[in-house]
C-alpha atoms as a PDB file:
ATOM      1  CA  MET A   1      17.277   1.843   9.915  1.00  0.00           C
ATOM      2  CA  GLU A   2      18.013   3.121  12.977  1.00  0.00           C
ATOM      3  CA  PRO A   3      18.519   1.568  16.824  1.00  0.00           C
ATOM      4  CA  THR A   4      15.427   4.324  17.195  1.00  0.00           C
ATOM      5  CA  ASP A   5      13.643   1.895  14.901  1.00  0.00           C
ATOM      6  CA  ALA A   6      13.888  -1.509  16.497  1.00  0.00           C
ATOM      7  CA  ASN A   7      11.215  -3.298  18.737  1.00  0.00           C
ATOM      8  CA  LEU A   8      12.610  -5.202  22.102  1.00  0.00           C
ATOM      9  CA  HIS A   9      13.783  -8.453  19.669  1.00  0.00           C
ATOM     10  CA  GLY A  10      16.106  -6.140  17.541  1.00  0.00           C
ATOM     11  CA  ASN A  11      13.849  -5.613  14.614  1.00  0.00           C
ATOM     12  CA  VAL A  12      12.830  -2.724  13.084  1.00  0.00           C
ATOM     13  CA  HIS A  13       9.281  -1.843  14.154  1.00  0.00           C
ATOM     14  CA  GLY A  14       6.946  -3.221  11.622  1.00  0.00           C
ATOM     15  CA  GLY A  15       5.309   0.669  12.165  1.00  0.00           C
ATOM     16  CA  VAL A  16       8.257   2.398  11.037  1.00  0.00           C
ATOM     17  CA  ILE A  17       8.101  -0.047   7.834  1.00  0.00           C
ATOM     18  CA  LEU A  18       4.320   0.719   7.159  1.00  0.00           C
ATOM     19  CA  ARG A  19       5.128   4.611   7.042  1.00  0.00           C
ATOM     20  CA  ALA A  20       8.170   4.011   4.006  1.00  0.00           C
ATOM     21  CA  VAL A  21       5.415   1.777   2.682  1.00  0.00           C
ATOM     22  CA  ASP A  22       2.330   5.211   2.832  1.00  0.00           C
ATOM     23  CA  ASN A  23       5.437   7.298   2.101  1.00  0.00           C
ATOM     24  CA  ALA A  24       6.634   5.714  -1.380  1.00  0.00           C
ATOM     25  CA  ALA A  25       2.630   4.994  -2.103  1.00  0.00           C
ATOM     26  CA  GLY A  26       1.555   8.517  -1.353  1.00  0.00           C
ATOM     27  CA  ALA A  27       4.096   9.605  -4.169  1.00  0.00           C
ATOM     28  CA  ALA A  28       3.153   6.965  -7.021  1.00  0.00           C
ATOM     29  CA  ALA A  29      -0.323   8.100  -5.939  1.00  0.00           C
ATOM     30  CA  ALA A  30       0.431  11.547  -6.610  1.00  0.00           C
ATOM     31  CA  ARG A  31       2.439  11.557  -9.516  1.00  0.00           C
ATOM     32  CA  HIS A  32      -0.151   9.632 -11.330  1.00  0.00           C
ATOM     33  CA  SER A  33      -2.991  11.507 -10.077  1.00  0.00           C
ATOM     34  CA  LYS A  34      -0.858  14.878 -11.001  1.00  0.00           C
ATOM     35  CA  GLY A  35      -2.226  16.438  -7.829  1.00  0.00           C
ATOM     36  CA  LEU A  36      -3.210  15.539  -3.840  1.00  0.00           C
ATOM     37  CA  ALA A  37      -4.013  11.887  -3.252  1.00  0.00           C
ATOM     38  CA  VAL A  38      -5.263  10.606   0.590  1.00  0.00           C
ATOM     39  CA  THR A  39      -4.509   7.014   1.812  1.00  0.00           C
ATOM     40  CA  ALA A  40      -8.494   5.272   2.206  1.00  0.00           C
ATOM     41  CA  ALA A  41      -7.360   2.086   2.936  1.00  0.00           C
ATOM     42  CA  ILE A  42      -4.439  -0.522   3.260  1.00  0.00           C
ATOM     43  CA  ASP A  43      -6.252  -3.501   1.756  1.00  0.00           C
ATOM     44  CA  GLU A  44      -3.676  -5.579   2.667  1.00  0.00           C
ATOM     45  CA  LEU A  45       0.179  -5.086   4.170  1.00  0.00           C
ATOM     46  CA  SER A  46       2.455  -8.522   4.391  1.00  0.00           C
ATOM     47  CA  PHE A  47       6.324  -8.383   6.203  1.00  0.00           C
ATOM     48  CA  LEU A  48       7.960 -11.681   4.790  1.00  0.00           C
ATOM     49  CA  SER A  49      11.074 -11.252   6.553  1.00  0.00           C
ATOM     50  CA  PRO A  50      12.427  -8.954   9.417  1.00  0.00           C
ATOM     51  CA  VAL A  51      14.629  -6.314   8.841  1.00  0.00           C
ATOM     52  CA  ARG A  52      17.374  -5.399  10.872  1.00  0.00           C
ATOM     53  CA  ILE A  53      19.339  -2.485  12.104  1.00  0.00           C
ATOM     54  CA  GLY A  54      21.268  -0.738   9.879  1.00  0.00           C
ATOM     55  CA  ASP A  55      19.644  -2.597   6.818  1.00  0.00           C
ATOM     56  CA  ILE A  56      19.217  -0.503   3.903  1.00  0.00           C
ATOM     57  CA  LEU A  57      15.235  -0.720   3.189  1.00  0.00           C
ATOM     58  CA  THR A  58      14.613   0.311  -0.884  1.00  0.00           C
ATOM     59  CA  VAL A  59      10.540   0.754  -1.037  1.00  0.00           C
ATOM     60  CA  LYS A  60       9.298   0.719  -5.039  1.00  0.00           C
ATOM     61  CA  ALA A  61       5.392   1.693  -5.806  1.00  0.00           C
ATOM     62  CA  GLN A  62       3.170   1.533  -8.845  1.00  0.00           C
ATOM     63  CA  VAL A  63       0.077   2.280  -9.210  1.00  0.00           C
ATOM     64  CA  ASN A  64      -1.763  -1.258 -10.588  1.00  0.00           C
ATOM     65  CA  TRP A  65      -5.272   0.427 -11.322  1.00  0.00           C
ATOM     66  CA  THR A  66      -7.454   2.946 -11.393  1.00  0.00           C
ATOM     67  CA  GLY A  67     -11.484   3.623 -10.533  1.00  0.00           C
ATOM     68  CA  GLY A  68     -13.053   7.163 -11.741  1.00  0.00           C
ATOM     69  CA  THR A  69     -11.399   9.039  -8.682  1.00  0.00           C
ATOM     70  CA  SER A  70      -9.223   6.008  -6.310  1.00  0.00           C
ATOM     71  CA  MET A  71      -6.023   3.745  -7.077  1.00  0.00           C
ATOM     72  CA  GLU A  72      -4.624   0.807  -6.158  1.00  0.00           C
ATOM     73  CA  VAL A  73      -1.098   1.398  -5.124  1.00  0.00           C
ATOM     74  CA  GLY A  74       1.261  -2.187  -4.947  1.00  0.00           C
ATOM     75  CA  VAL A  75       4.019  -1.682  -2.785  1.00  0.00           C
ATOM     76  CA  ARG A  76       7.080  -3.999  -2.777  1.00  0.00           C
ATOM     77  CA  VAL A  77       9.939  -3.605   0.721  1.00  0.00           C
ATOM     78  CA  THR A  78      13.641  -5.024   0.094  1.00  0.00           C
ATOM     79  CA  ALA A  79      16.375  -4.662   2.346  1.00  0.00           C
ATOM     80  CA  GLN A  80      19.922  -5.629   2.129  1.00  0.00           C
ATOM     81  CA  PRO A  81      22.577  -5.302   4.910  1.00  0.00           C
ATOM     82  CA  TRP A  82      23.959  -2.032   5.011  1.00  0.00           C
ATOM     83  CA  ASP A  83      28.470  -3.759   5.365  1.00  0.00           C
ATOM     84  CA  ASP A  84      27.476  -5.632   1.871  1.00  0.00           C
ATOM     85  CA  ALA A  85      26.635  -4.390  -1.246  1.00  0.00           C
ATOM     86  CA  ASP A  86      27.248  -7.862  -3.006  1.00  0.00           C
ATOM     87  CA  GLU A  87      24.813  -9.607  -0.476  1.00  0.00           C
ATOM     88  CA  GLU A  88      20.956  -9.837  -3.085  1.00  0.00           C
ATOM     89  CA  ALA A  89      18.554  -7.578  -1.166  1.00  0.00           C
ATOM     90  CA  ILE A  90      15.656  -9.435   0.331  1.00  0.00           C
ATOM     91  CA  HIS A  91      12.068  -8.904  -0.354  1.00  0.00           C
ATOM     92  CA  VAL A  92      10.765  -8.324   3.310  1.00  0.00           C
ATOM     93  CA  ALA A  93       6.994  -6.550   2.498  1.00  0.00           C
ATOM     94  CA  SER A  94       4.665  -5.945   0.264  1.00  0.00           C
ATOM     95  CA  ALA A  95       1.445  -4.209   0.503  1.00  0.00           C
ATOM     96  CA  TYR A  96      -1.560  -2.580  -1.491  1.00  0.00           C
ATOM     97  CA  LEU A  97      -3.185   0.457  -0.625  1.00  0.00           C
ATOM     98  CA  VAL A  98      -6.123   2.471  -1.970  1.00  0.00           C
ATOM     99  CA  PHE A  99      -5.548   5.683  -2.660  1.00  0.00           C
ATOM    100  CA  VAL A 100      -8.340   8.373  -3.297  1.00  0.00           C
ATOM    101  CA  GLY A 101      -6.820  12.013  -5.415  1.00  0.00           C
ATOM    102  CA  VAL A 102      -8.616  15.190  -3.975  1.00  0.00           C
ATOM    103  CA  ASP A 103      -8.910  19.007  -5.083  1.00  0.00           C
ATOM    104  CA  GLU A 104      -7.479  22.021  -3.672  1.00  0.00           C
ATOM    105  CA  ASN A 105     -11.264  21.837  -0.615  1.00  0.00           C
ATOM    106  CA  GLU A 106     -10.276  17.450   0.094  1.00  0.00           C
ATOM    107  CA  ARG A 107     -13.314  16.367  -2.563  1.00  0.00           C
ATOM    108  CA  PRO A 108     -12.927  13.307  -4.212  1.00  0.00           C
ATOM    109  CA  ARG A 109     -10.962  14.300  -8.389  1.00  0.00           C
ATOM    110  CA  ARG A 110     -11.131  11.918 -11.049  1.00  0.00           C
ATOM    111  CA  VAL A 111      -7.793  10.249 -11.530  1.00  0.00           C
ATOM    112  CA  PRO A 112      -5.495   9.178 -14.949  1.00  0.00           C
ATOM    113  CA  PRO A 113      -6.484   6.369 -16.090  1.00  0.00           C
ATOM    114  CA  VAL A 114      -4.401   3.197 -15.908  1.00  0.00           C
ATOM    115  CA  VAL A 115      -3.372   1.551 -19.271  1.00  0.00           C
ATOM    116  CA  PRO A 116      -1.675  -1.578 -18.935  1.00  0.00           C
ATOM    117  CA  ASP A 117       1.033  -1.854 -21.216  1.00  0.00           C
ATOM    118  CA  SER A 118       2.643  -5.237 -20.560  1.00  0.00           C
ATOM    119  CA  GLU A 119       1.231  -9.415 -18.986  1.00  0.00           C
ATOM    120  CA  GLN A 120       2.537  -7.709 -15.901  1.00  0.00           C
ATOM    121  CA  ASP A 121       0.204  -4.822 -16.010  1.00  0.00           C
ATOM    122  CA  THR A 122      -2.338  -6.636 -17.286  1.00  0.00           C
ATOM    123  CA  GLN A 123      -2.015  -9.053 -14.184  1.00  0.00           C
ATOM    124  CA  ARG A 124      -1.830  -6.276 -11.583  1.00  0.00           C
ATOM    125  CA  TRP A 125      -4.776  -4.679 -12.632  1.00  0.00           C
ATOM    126  CA  HIS A 126      -6.840  -8.157 -13.157  1.00  0.00           C
ATOM    127  CA  GLU A 127      -5.282  -8.656  -9.574  1.00  0.00           C
ATOM    128  CA  ALA A 128      -6.259  -5.242  -7.784  1.00  0.00           C
ATOM    129  CA  GLU A 129      -9.931  -5.402  -9.146  1.00  0.00           C
ATOM    130  CA  LEU A 130     -10.184  -8.837  -7.200  1.00  0.00           C
ATOM    131  CA  ARG A 131      -8.852  -7.153  -4.813  1.00  0.00           C
ATOM    132  CA  ARG A 132     -11.519  -4.361  -4.630  1.00  0.00           C
ATOM    133  CA  LYS A 133     -14.523  -6.283  -5.563  1.00  0.00           C
ATOM    134  CA  SER A 134     -13.604  -8.813  -2.554  1.00  0.00           C
ATOM    135  CA  ARG A 135     -13.172  -5.726  -0.289  1.00  0.00           C
ATOM    136  CA  LEU A 136     -16.753  -3.730  -1.108  1.00  0.00           C
ATOM    137  CA  GLU A 137     -17.862  -7.181  -0.410  1.00  0.00           C
ATOM    138  CA  ARG A 138     -16.799  -7.500   3.011  1.00  0.00           C
ATOM    139  CA  ARG A 139     -17.661  -3.534   3.681  1.00  0.00           C
ATOM    140  CA  ASN A 140     -21.669  -4.387   1.984  1.00  0.00           C
ATOM    141  CA  ALA A 141     -21.472  -7.720   4.203  1.00  0.00           C
ATOM    142  CA  MET A 142     -20.632  -5.954   7.342  1.00  0.00           C
ATOM    143  CA  ARG A 143     -22.760  -2.818   7.026  1.00  0.00           C
ATOM    144  CA  GLU A 144     -25.430  -4.899   6.677  1.00  0.00           C
ATOM    145  CA  PHE A 145     -24.907  -6.866   9.208  1.00  0.00           C
ATOM    146  CA  ARG A 146     -24.413  -4.485  11.018  1.00  0.00           C
ATOM    147  CA  ARG A 147     -28.002  -2.651  10.371  1.00  0.00           C
ATOM    148  CA  THR A 148     -29.616  -6.492  11.188  1.00  0.00           C
ATOM    149  CA  ASP A 149     -28.150  -8.348  13.497  1.00  0.00           C
ATOM    150  CA  GLY A 150     -25.281  -5.896  15.107  1.00  0.00           C
ATOM    151  CA  PRO A 151     -24.935  -5.477  18.564  1.00  0.00           C
ATOM    152  CA  THR A 152     -25.904  -1.717  18.866  1.00  0.00           C
ATOM    153  CA  GLY A 153     -23.991   1.061  19.683  1.00  0.00           C
ATOM    154  CA  LEU A 154     -20.979   0.077  17.372  1.00  0.00           C
END
């Protein structure tokens, strides 16, 4: 990470890390779906430890779950000091993003299913299902509130 990536505290801006997360997740979604995929939602992004200027950032992404046209991608970000290859990388951020496969007209298209092939992948699949259920329940509750009780004009 470079000095232009720093905030006033001297750490890397969260937005710089978010961009790296979205890029890696987008690549994983596009590769899995064998075509274009767009970010539909950032379901969760947790910053766990500061990233310092000069740190080497590693971003790993994996498709955890698929629906008909959508995919959840999990991302893990680690950082390691640039000047000490022996120092272990630190887990600095985790995120879950939702992507939708799109065709050349930017219309949703079917994506290949993810088939969990390990206990850890099965756990990721089930946790993704829980996040999806929660996301849809929250969205429906907000819509209902706005329809019945919420202020107008929003």
